[in-house]
Amino acid sequence: MPIRDADRLLRVIRALHAEIRTAVVDATERQSVEALSAADESQPGDTIFAVDRVSEERLVAHVAAELAPYWPLVLVAEGLPDVGHGPGVVVLPAGLGPADAEIRVIVDPVDGTRGLMYQKRSAWILTGVAADRGAATSLRDIELAVQTEIPLVKQTLSDVVWAVRGGGAHAERYDRRTGGSWDLRLRPSRATSLVHGFAQLARFVPGARDVLAAVDDDVAYAVLPAAADGRALMFEDQYLSTGGQLYELMAGHDRYTADVRPLATALLAAAGRPRRLGAHPYDLCTALIAVEAGVIVTDESGGELDAPLDVLTDCSWIGYANADIRALVEPVLQTALRARGLL
């Protein structure tokens, strides 16, 4: 079922993102790295940092005031208290139950917290909206998505990308010095090989990095021509933000990205090591935009990416810039994953 008044909903969400972007940039300008990186590990799921709390406060207040009166909703976001509907789930307006919801909104208020709080790289605000189907609502139900770049303090420009299913991807570049913006064209790479391009398996936190790196090398050796001594034919970018990784594919910067960290859970358990951080549905709630831009996004087996809209499910995903790159990489990637005991 299509979302009612999607254009108006899009405007409200974009305004929310702009408010969060301003608040987080202001906080990073005023506060030290030590203050912003104070950690709260009391919530289920990923660690919550002080900089995350800045965005969460804006999120709930804005959604309650601007979305809920017009679209009764279930809000799903990391860091929200469990008020009886499960971790990270709030029903708005207050007093309604989940059965009263018209839409389900899943948000990552700051995707890429760690890079942002140390002022290493931009983070992203991610939001996906689906017509509510109760607990069965999933990533494949998302009909509208927006992601907004939170720039570094020294960075004056930031991008906003959005899509309504079937309407293509759209983008704007915003100048925070002037408040002005202009249309931006994003186009995934049309390259047919990985030669001299960026392509990678995500392995930016400890835990089975040796196995993931071996898979990465297996793929590279299988699809690249022999290189002369001292020459590099492929490069990688370990961007600690799923939204950021998707953006790099949309923008034509990367040829493919695979994040299959959850597949290593069994190997880690067998070695007596704990499960490590992986992507969650809120990290992937804007995959619709990449797909509308022409990026191919799959699960670890090459099927349709899907997961319930919650804050706990571990997700593996793979993104290819185009069909030629998929045809080149997918067979050898699947073979390498199986050979290393990950599939």
Foldseek 3Di string as FASTA:
>chain_A
DDDPPVVLVVVLVVVLLVVLLVQLLVCLVPDALVQQACWDPPAPFDIDTNSQVSSVVSVVVSCQVPPCVPFFEWEAEAPDPCPPPDHRIDTPPPPDDHVPGQKYKYKYSWFQSVCQSVLNFKTKIKMFMFGDPDQPDKLVRTFKIKMWINHGNVDQKIKIKIDGPPGFIWMKIAGNVVRDIDTDAWAFAPDLAQFPAEEAEADPDDDCPVLRVVLVVLLCVQGDDDDDPPDDGHHYDNRRALVVVLSCRRRHRHFKYWYLLVLCQVVCVVVVHHRDHADDRNSCSRVSNSVSSAKDKPFLLRHHFMDGSHRHDHGIMMIGSHDSSCVSRVVSSVVSCVVSPSD
